[in-house]
Amino acid sequence: MKKENFILKIYSITLTLILGFIFLTSFKSINSNQKFDEITVERINIIEPDGKLKMVISNQVRQHPGMHNGETLDPRERPPGIIFFNEEQDEIGGLAFYGNKESGGNNLFLSVDQYKNDQVMQLKQSSNNNGDNQYGLQLWERDKKLTPDVLQKTLDSLDKVGYRYQQKMDYLREMNDGNPINEPRLFIGKKYNRETGLFIQDKSGIDRLRLYIDSNDSPKIEVLDEKGNIINNILEK
């Protein structure tokens, strides 16, 4: 009987020590910094201590669809890259990239979003199917009423009824009382047609001032009217 009690005590002490060791080492591993020589993942979520999402690094398949007012948007196809979120859980920009032979080469975009809206500034490099490149700084002007969640729901409904791209743009313009929703306002860089310079547009997205070098290496300074017609070519006077 004494022998059995002794064995039971030894067993209890040993089990207690083992459980204590497991608890302490587990607690330590959870709360200490870990060093990895290499990590392979499909997606990484960066969060604050309160659980709010701040950044997502992901491949294309697992990419985040975006958020507006803390609500996740409907699933949609997005390129791989990095997406940033603010304290109110709105998407505020990111870095996206994709490219292959069919698309003409590499495409990379670093975007900054307007508060409660979509991108208004972008540093980009893109290629078309002919292998031509365009790269530079692009600015847009966004309408405050057509927020990302409203736009996505509208475009999804138009896709279901078979609207083409231009039909969708026309529909959105009608929703916005005839005003454009995302017209470009400025581009600095090289265009697909090999013009390189400064191009400034009005609120309808029409070029009104161009200062550039054309594809024949000729300098140009052009003033245009509201229909895009050249009314003054300063260097040709």
C-alpha atoms as a PDB file:
ATOM      1  CA  MET A   1       0.000   0.000   0.000  1.00  0.00           C
ATOM      2  CA  LYS A   2       2.807   2.402   0.956  1.00  0.00           C
ATOM      3  CA  LYS A   3       4.641   1.452  -2.219  1.00  0.00           C
ATOM      4  CA  GLU A   4       1.563   2.213  -4.336  1.00  0.00           C
ATOM      5  CA  ASN A   5       1.107   5.609  -2.637  1.00  0.00           C
ATOM      6  CA  PHE A   6       4.780   6.433  -3.241  1.00  0.00           C
ATOM      7  CA  ILE A   7       4.480   5.561  -6.915  1.00  0.00           C
ATOM      8  CA  LEU A   8       1.296   7.648  -7.189  1.00  0.00           C
ATOM      9  CA  LYS A   9       3.044  10.649  -5.608  1.00  0.00           C
ATOM     10  CA  ILE A  10       5.994  10.339  -7.983  1.00  0.00           C
ATOM     11  CA  TYR A  11       3.577  10.092 -10.902  1.00  0.00           C
ATOM     12  CA  SER A  12       1.646  13.181  -9.770  1.00  0.00           C
ATOM     13  CA  ILE A  13       4.810  15.232  -9.257  1.00  0.00           C
ATOM     14  CA  THR A  14       6.209  14.197 -12.629  1.00  0.00           C
ATOM     15  CA  LEU A  15       2.926  14.976 -14.438  1.00  0.00           C
ATOM     16  CA  THR A  16       2.718  18.377 -12.693  1.00  0.00           C
ATOM     17  CA  LEU A  17       6.280  19.249 -13.756  1.00  0.00           C
ATOM     18  CA  ILE A  18       5.629  18.195 -17.346  1.00  0.00           C
ATOM     19  CA  LEU A  19       2.410  20.234 -17.572  1.00  0.00           C
ATOM     20  CA  GLY A  20       4.118  23.227 -15.970  1.00  0.00           C
ATOM     21  CA  PHE A  21       6.973  23.011 -18.485  1.00  0.00           C
ATOM     22  CA  ILE A  22       4.553  22.830 -21.410  1.00  0.00           C
ATOM     23  CA  PHE A  23       2.550  25.795 -20.107  1.00  0.00           C
ATOM     24  CA  LEU A  24       5.631  27.978 -19.556  1.00  0.00           C
ATOM     25  CA  THR A  25       7.256  27.171 -22.897  1.00  0.00           C
ATOM     26  CA  SER A  26       3.959  27.687 -24.754  1.00  0.00           C
ATOM     27  CA  PHE A  27       3.400  31.049 -23.060  1.00  0.00           C
ATOM     28  CA  LYS A  28       6.927  32.095 -23.902  1.00  0.00           C
ATOM     29  CA  SER A  29       6.624  31.178 -27.580  1.00  0.00           C
ATOM     30  CA  ILE A  30       3.346  33.085 -27.919  1.00  0.00           C
ATOM     31  CA  ASN A  31       4.675  36.302 -26.417  1.00  0.00           C
ATOM     32  CA  SER A  32       8.237  36.394 -27.726  1.00  0.00           C
ATOM     33  CA  ASN A  33       9.637  37.445 -31.062  1.00  0.00           C
ATOM     34  CA  GLN A  34      10.313  34.633 -33.463  1.00  0.00           C
ATOM     35  CA  LYS A  35      12.999  34.563 -36.118  1.00  0.00           C
ATOM     36  CA  PHE A  36      12.491  32.702 -39.401  1.00  0.00           C
ATOM     37  CA  ASP A  37      15.042  32.182 -42.133  1.00  0.00           C
ATOM     38  CA  GLU A  38      12.232  31.777 -44.670  1.00  0.00           C
ATOM     39  CA  ILE A  39       8.431  31.758 -44.623  1.00  0.00           C
ATOM     40  CA  THR A  40       6.098  30.716 -47.441  1.00  0.00           C
ATOM     41  CA  VAL A  41       2.479  31.860 -47.205  1.00  0.00           C
ATOM     42  CA  GLU A  42      -0.414  32.852 -49.450  1.00  0.00           C
ATOM     43  CA  ARG A  43      -1.577  35.773 -47.286  1.00  0.00           C
ATOM     44  CA  ILE A  44      -0.478  37.780 -44.232  1.00  0.00           C
ATOM     45  CA  ASN A  45      -2.875  39.979 -42.223  1.00  0.00           C
ATOM     46  CA  ILE A  46      -1.306  42.775 -40.151  1.00  0.00           C
ATOM     47  CA  ILE A  47      -3.604  43.806 -37.279  1.00  0.00           C
ATOM     48  CA  GLU A  48      -3.601  46.153 -34.288  1.00  0.00           C
ATOM     49  CA  PRO A  49      -3.892  44.773 -30.715  1.00  0.00           C
ATOM     50  CA  ASP A  50      -7.649  45.451 -30.858  1.00  0.00           C
ATOM     51  CA  GLY A  51      -7.975  43.268 -33.961  1.00  0.00           C
ATOM     52  CA  LYS A  52      -8.416  46.043 -36.527  1.00  0.00           C
ATOM     53  CA  LEU A  53      -6.966  45.211 -39.914  1.00  0.00           C
ATOM     54  CA  LYS A  54      -4.168  47.537 -41.081  1.00  0.00           C
ATOM     55  CA  MET A  55      -2.493  45.779 -43.983  1.00  0.00           C
ATOM     56  CA  VAL A  56      -2.892  42.664 -46.127  1.00  0.00           C
ATOM     57  CA  ILE A  57      -0.106  41.065 -48.150  1.00  0.00           C
ATOM     58  CA  SER A  58      -1.596  38.457 -50.444  1.00  0.00           C
ATOM     59  CA  ASN A  59      -1.501  36.505 -53.658  1.00  0.00           C
ATOM     60  CA  GLN A  60      -4.284  36.967 -56.211  1.00  0.00           C
ATOM     61  CA  VAL A  61      -6.514  34.081 -55.106  1.00  0.00           C
ATOM     62  CA  ARG A  62      -6.668  35.166 -51.451  1.00  0.00           C
ATOM     63  CA  GLN A  63      -6.540  38.937 -51.973  1.00  0.00           C
ATOM     64  CA  HIS A  64      -8.825  41.058 -49.780  1.00  0.00           C
ATOM     65  CA  PRO A  65     -11.835  42.536 -51.689  1.00  0.00           C
ATOM     66  CA  GLY A  66     -11.555  45.833 -49.788  1.00  0.00           C
ATOM     67  CA  MET A  67     -13.535  47.524 -47.007  1.00  0.00           C
ATOM     68  CA  HIS A  68     -15.681  50.635 -46.628  1.00  0.00           C
ATOM     69  CA  ASN A  69     -16.960  51.887 -43.242  1.00  0.00           C
ATOM     70  CA  GLY A  70     -15.700  48.667 -41.667  1.00  0.00           C
ATOM     71  CA  GLU A  71     -17.753  46.419 -43.948  1.00  0.00           C
ATOM     72  CA  THR A  72     -16.017  44.003 -46.308  1.00  0.00           C
ATOM     73  CA  LEU A  73     -17.010  44.474 -49.938  1.00  0.00           C
ATOM     74  CA  ASP A  74     -18.377  41.630 -52.034  1.00  0.00           C
ATOM     75  CA  PRO A  75     -15.801  39.135 -53.375  1.00  0.00           C
ATOM     76  CA  ARG A  76     -14.071  40.265 -56.568  1.00  0.00           C
ATOM     77  CA  GLU A  77     -10.959  39.386 -58.512  1.00  0.00           C
ATOM     78  CA  ARG A  78      -7.980  41.557 -57.574  1.00  0.00           C
ATOM     79  CA  PRO A  79      -4.279  41.356 -58.408  1.00  0.00           C
ATOM     80  CA  PRO A  80      -1.666  40.304 -55.839  1.00  0.00           C
ATOM     81  CA  GLY A  81       0.017  42.928 -53.711  1.00  0.00           C
ATOM     82  CA  ILE A  82      -0.420  44.969 -50.540  1.00  0.00           C
ATOM     83  CA  ILE A  83      -3.580  46.743 -49.347  1.00  0.00           C
ATOM     84  CA  PHE A  84      -3.665  49.359 -46.568  1.00  0.00           C
ATOM     85  CA  PHE A  85      -6.557  50.208 -44.194  1.00  0.00           C
ATOM     86  CA  ASN A  86      -7.113  53.184 -41.884  1.00  0.00           C
ATOM     87  CA  GLU A  87      -8.504  53.372 -38.332  1.00  0.00           C
ATOM     88  CA  GLU A  88     -12.092  53.454 -39.635  1.00  0.00           C
ATOM     89  CA  GLN A  89     -11.447  50.247 -41.590  1.00  0.00           C
ATOM     90  CA  ASP A  90     -11.566  51.849 -45.029  1.00  0.00           C
ATOM     91  CA  GLU A  91      -9.179  50.785 -47.758  1.00  0.00           C
ATOM     92  CA  ILE A  92      -6.822  53.719 -48.354  1.00  0.00           C
ATOM     93  CA  GLY A  93      -4.504  52.479 -51.095  1.00  0.00           C
ATOM     94  CA  GLY A  94      -2.022  49.812 -51.919  1.00  0.00           C
ATOM     95  CA  LEU A  95       0.534  48.247 -54.197  1.00  0.00           C
ATOM     96  CA  ALA A  96      -0.648  45.919 -56.978  1.00  0.00           C
ATOM     97  CA  PHE A  97       1.226  44.070 -59.697  1.00  0.00           C
ATOM     98  CA  TYR A  98       0.639  41.529 -62.442  1.00  0.00           C
ATOM     99  CA  GLY A  99       1.871  40.764 -65.916  1.00  0.00           C
ATOM    100  CA  ASN A 100       2.509  38.179 -68.569  1.00  0.00           C
ATOM    101  CA  LYS A 101       3.197  37.895 -72.286  1.00  0.00           C
ATOM    102  CA  GLU A 102      -0.504  38.216 -73.179  1.00  0.00           C
ATOM    103  CA  SER A 103      -0.843  41.532 -71.313  1.00  0.00           C
ATOM    104  CA  GLY A 104       2.291  42.923 -72.961  1.00  0.00           C
ATOM    105  CA  GLY A 105       4.591  42.739 -69.940  1.00  0.00           C
ATOM    106  CA  ASN A 106       4.697  43.898 -66.341  1.00  0.00           C
ATOM    107  CA  ASN A 107       2.100  46.144 -64.720  1.00  0.00           C
ATOM    108  CA  LEU A 108       2.667  47.767 -61.330  1.00  0.00           C
ATOM    109  CA  PHE A 109       0.589  50.383 -59.477  1.00  0.00           C
ATOM    110  CA  LEU A 110       1.140  52.241 -56.205  1.00  0.00           C
ATOM    111  CA  SER A 111      -2.176  53.923 -55.362  1.00  0.00           C
ATOM    112  CA  VAL A 112      -3.387  56.449 -52.766  1.00  0.00           C
ATOM    113  CA  ASP A 113      -7.137  56.642 -52.106  1.00  0.00           C
ATOM    114  CA  GLN A 114      -9.237  59.676 -51.265  1.00  0.00           C
ATOM    115  CA  TYR A 115     -10.895  59.586 -47.822  1.00  0.00           C
ATOM    116  CA  LYS A 116     -14.062  57.467 -48.066  1.00  0.00           C
ATOM    117  CA  ASN A 117     -13.464  57.012 -51.786  1.00  0.00           C
ATOM    118  CA  ASP A 118     -11.290  55.388 -54.428  1.00  0.00           C
ATOM    119  CA  GLN A 119      -7.818  56.206 -55.757  1.00  0.00           C
ATOM    120  CA  VAL A 120      -6.922  59.814 -56.595  1.00  0.00           C
ATOM    121  CA  MET A 121      -3.166  59.414 -57.060  1.00  0.00           C
ATOM    122  CA  GLN A 122      -1.207  56.603 -58.629  1.00  0.00           C
ATOM    123  CA  LEU A 123       2.401  55.916 -59.559  1.00  0.00           C
ATOM    124  CA  LYS A 124       2.165  53.369 -62.323  1.00  0.00           C
ATOM    125  CA  GLN A 125       3.886  51.361 -65.016  1.00  0.00           C
ATOM    126  CA  SER A 126       1.688  49.488 -67.459  1.00  0.00           C
ATOM    127  CA  SER A 127       1.985  47.633 -70.759  1.00  0.00           C
ATOM    128  CA  ASN A 128      -0.536  46.979 -73.515  1.00  0.00           C
ATOM    129  CA  ASN A 129      -0.934  43.998 -75.858  1.00  0.00           C
ATOM    130  CA  ASN A 130       1.395  45.618 -78.410  1.00  0.00           C
ATOM    131  CA  GLY A 131       4.226  45.728 -75.920  1.00  0.00           C
ATOM    132  CA  ASP A 132       4.067  49.524 -75.550  1.00  0.00           C
ATOM    133  CA  ASN A 133       4.734  50.992 -72.104  1.00  0.00           C
ATOM    134  CA  GLN A 134       3.187  53.847 -70.148  1.00  0.00           C
ATOM    135  CA  TYR A 135       4.597  55.046 -66.858  1.00  0.00           C
ATOM    136  CA  GLY A 136       4.353  58.086 -64.625  1.00  0.00           C
ATOM    137  CA  LEU A 137       2.212  59.881 -62.044  1.00  0.00           C
ATOM    138  CA  GLN A 138      -1.578  59.978 -62.565  1.00  0.00           C
ATOM    139  CA  LEU A 139      -4.100  62.134 -60.667  1.00  0.00           C
ATOM    140  CA  TRP A 140      -7.904  61.797 -60.686  1.00  0.00           C
ATOM    141  CA  GLU A 141     -10.831  63.688 -59.215  1.00  0.00           C
ATOM    142  CA  ARG A 142     -13.500  61.623 -57.464  1.00  0.00           C
ATOM    143  CA  ASP A 143     -17.124  62.408 -56.751  1.00  0.00           C
ATOM    144  CA  LYS A 144     -17.872  62.105 -53.029  1.00  0.00           C
ATOM    145  CA  LYS A 145     -21.340  60.609 -53.553  1.00  0.00           C
ATOM    146  CA  LEU A 146     -20.217  57.546 -55.510  1.00  0.00           C
ATOM    147  CA  THR A 147     -18.272  55.729 -52.811  1.00  0.00           C
ATOM    148  CA  PRO A 148     -16.564  52.351 -53.454  1.00  0.00           C
ATOM    149  CA  ASP A 149     -19.427  50.294 -51.997  1.00  0.00           C
ATOM    150  CA  VAL A 150     -22.028  52.112 -54.120  1.00  0.00           C
ATOM    151  CA  LEU A 151     -19.885  51.779 -57.232  1.00  0.00           C
ATOM    152  CA  GLN A 152     -19.245  48.068 -56.747  1.00  0.00           C
ATOM    153  CA  LYS A 153     -22.908  47.212 -56.174  1.00  0.00           C
ATOM    154  CA  THR A 154     -23.918  49.256 -59.225  1.00  0.00           C
ATOM    155  CA  LEU A 155     -21.253  47.741 -61.480  1.00  0.00           C
ATOM    156  CA  ASP A 156     -22.108  44.209 -60.304  1.00  0.00           C
ATOM    157  CA  SER A 157     -25.763  44.758 -61.192  1.00  0.00           C
ATOM    158  CA  LEU A 158     -24.818  46.163 -64.605  1.00  0.00           C
ATOM    159  CA  ASP A 159     -22.544  43.182 -65.266  1.00  0.00           C
ATOM    160  CA  LYS A 160     -25.452  40.824 -64.622  1.00  0.00           C
ATOM    161  CA  VAL A 161     -27.538  42.463 -67.358  1.00  0.00           C
ATOM    162  CA  GLY A 162     -24.632  42.422 -69.826  1.00  0.00           C
ATOM    163  CA  TYR A 163     -23.616  46.083 -69.936  1.00  0.00           C
ATOM    164  CA  ARG A 164     -20.369  46.797 -71.790  1.00  0.00           C
ATOM    165  CA  TYR A 165     -17.682  49.098 -70.377  1.00  0.00           C
ATOM    166  CA  GLN A 166     -18.832  52.293 -72.088  1.00  0.00           C
ATOM    167  CA  GLN A 167     -22.471  51.573 -71.255  1.00  0.00           C
ATOM    168  CA  LYS A 168     -21.520  51.234 -67.588  1.00  0.00           C
ATOM    169  CA  MET A 169     -19.604  54.524 -67.671  1.00  0.00           C
ATOM    170  CA  ASP A 170     -22.563  56.281 -69.286  1.00  0.00           C
ATOM    171  CA  TYR A 171     -24.923  54.851 -66.657  1.00  0.00           C
ATOM    172  CA  LEU A 172     -22.683  56.032 -63.820  1.00  0.00           C
ATOM    173  CA  ARG A 173     -22.456  59.483 -65.377  1.00  0.00           C
ATOM    174  CA  GLU A 174     -26.266  59.663 -65.442  1.00  0.00           C
ATOM    175  CA  MET A 175     -26.316  58.645 -61.771  1.00  0.00           C
ATOM    176  CA  ASN A 176     -23.986  61.566 -61.106  1.00  0.00           C
ATOM    177  CA  ASP A 177     -26.210  64.174 -62.809  1.00  0.00           C
ATOM    178  CA  GLY A 178     -24.172  64.029 -65.999  1.00  0.00           C
ATOM    179  CA  ASN A 179     -20.839  64.653 -64.277  1.00  0.00           C
ATOM    180  CA  PRO A 180     -17.852  62.299 -64.594  1.00  0.00           C
ATOM    181  CA  ILE A 181     -17.045  60.063 -61.634  1.00  0.00           C
ATOM    182  CA  ASN A 182     -13.333  59.420 -62.039  1.00  0.00           C
ATOM    183  CA  GLU A 183     -11.933  61.579 -64.795  1.00  0.00           C
ATOM    184  CA  PRO A 184      -8.144  62.122 -64.941  1.00  0.00           C
ATOM    185  CA  ARG A 185      -6.850  65.598 -64.068  1.00  0.00           C
ATOM    186  CA  LEU A 186      -3.098  65.298 -64.575  1.00  0.00           C
ATOM    187  CA  PHE A 187      -0.509  62.911 -65.940  1.00  0.00           C
ATOM    188  CA  ILE A 188       3.262  63.332 -65.793  1.00  0.00           C
ATOM    189  CA  GLY A 189       5.260  60.705 -67.650  1.00  0.00           C
ATOM    190  CA  LYS A 190       5.472  58.716 -70.855  1.00  0.00           C
ATOM    191  CA  LYS A 191       2.327  57.675 -72.745  1.00  0.00           C
ATOM    192  CA  TYR A 192       1.748  54.646 -74.966  1.00  0.00           C
ATOM    193  CA  ASN A 193       2.193  56.870 -78.049  1.00  0.00           C
ATOM    194  CA  ARG A 194       5.690  57.817 -76.782  1.00  0.00           C
ATOM    195  CA  GLU A 195       4.766  61.381 -75.886  1.00  0.00           C
ATOM    196  CA  THR A 196       6.626  62.320 -72.704  1.00  0.00           C
ATOM    197  CA  GLY A 197       5.743  65.321 -70.585  1.00  0.00           C
ATOM    198  CA  LEU A 198       3.027  67.102 -68.583  1.00  0.00           C
ATOM    199  CA  PHE A 199      -0.664  66.704 -69.519  1.00  0.00           C
ATOM    200  CA  ILE A 200      -3.330  68.637 -67.568  1.00  0.00           C
ATOM    201  CA  GLN A 201      -7.050  67.896 -67.971  1.00  0.00           C
ATOM    202  CA  ASP A 202     -10.227  69.760 -66.990  1.00  0.00           C
ATOM    203  CA  LYS A 203     -12.975  68.307 -64.751  1.00  0.00           C
ATOM    204  CA  SER A 204     -14.345  66.377 -67.746  1.00  0.00           C
ATOM    205  CA  GLY A 205     -11.004  64.642 -68.303  1.00  0.00           C
ATOM    206  CA  ILE A 206     -10.201  66.541 -71.527  1.00  0.00           C
ATOM    207  CA  ASP A 207      -6.643  67.737 -72.165  1.00  0.00           C
ATOM    208  CA  ARG A 208      -6.442  71.526 -71.815  1.00  0.00           C
ATOM    209  CA  LEU A 209      -2.687  72.045 -71.516  1.00  0.00           C
ATOM    210  CA  ARG A 210       0.156  69.893 -72.835  1.00  0.00           C
ATOM    211  CA  LEU A 211       3.892  70.403 -72.415  1.00  0.00           C
ATOM    212  CA  TYR A 212       5.727  67.457 -73.901  1.00  0.00           C
ATOM    213  CA  ILE A 213       8.225  65.918 -76.324  1.00  0.00           C
ATOM    214  CA  ASP A 214       6.502  63.974 -79.096  1.00  0.00           C
ATOM    215  CA  SER A 215       7.593  60.667 -80.646  1.00  0.00           C
ATOM    216  CA  ASN A 216       9.763  62.570 -83.166  1.00  0.00           C
ATOM    217  CA  ASP A 217      11.661  64.370 -80.365  1.00  0.00           C
ATOM    218  CA  SER A 218       9.925  67.677 -81.167  1.00  0.00           C
ATOM    219  CA  PRO A 219       9.006  69.910 -78.166  1.00  0.00           C
ATOM    220  CA  LYS A 220       5.339  70.952 -77.885  1.00  0.00           C
ATOM    221  CA  ILE A 221       3.397  73.429 -75.738  1.00  0.00           C
ATOM    222  CA  GLU A 222      -0.309  73.269 -76.608  1.00  0.00           C
ATOM    223  CA  VAL A 223      -3.435  74.964 -75.247  1.00  0.00           C
ATOM    224  CA  LEU A 224      -6.744  73.226 -76.032  1.00  0.00           C
ATOM    225  CA  ASP A 225     -10.437  74.118 -75.818  1.00  0.00           C
ATOM    226  CA  GLU A 226     -13.186  72.243 -73.949  1.00  0.00           C
ATOM    227  CA  LYS A 227     -13.554  69.819 -76.877  1.00  0.00           C
ATOM    228  CA  GLY A 228      -9.871  68.949 -76.974  1.00  0.00           C
ATOM    229  CA  ASN A 229      -9.053  71.007 -80.070  1.00  0.00           C
ATOM    230  CA  ILE A 230      -5.702  72.820 -80.147  1.00  0.00           C
ATOM    231  CA  ILE A 231      -6.276  76.590 -80.085  1.00  0.00           C
ATOM    232  CA  ASN A 232      -2.715  77.701 -79.414  1.00  0.00           C
ATOM    233  CA  ASN A 233       0.574  75.943 -80.181  1.00  0.00           C
ATOM    234  CA  ILE A 234       3.096  78.260 -78.544  1.00  0.00           C
ATOM    235  CA  LEU A 235       6.284  76.873 -80.083  1.00  0.00           C
ATOM    236  CA  GLU A 236       4.902  76.982 -83.645  1.00  0.00           C
ATOM    237  CA  LYS A 237       4.308  80.746 -83.720  1.00  0.00           C
END
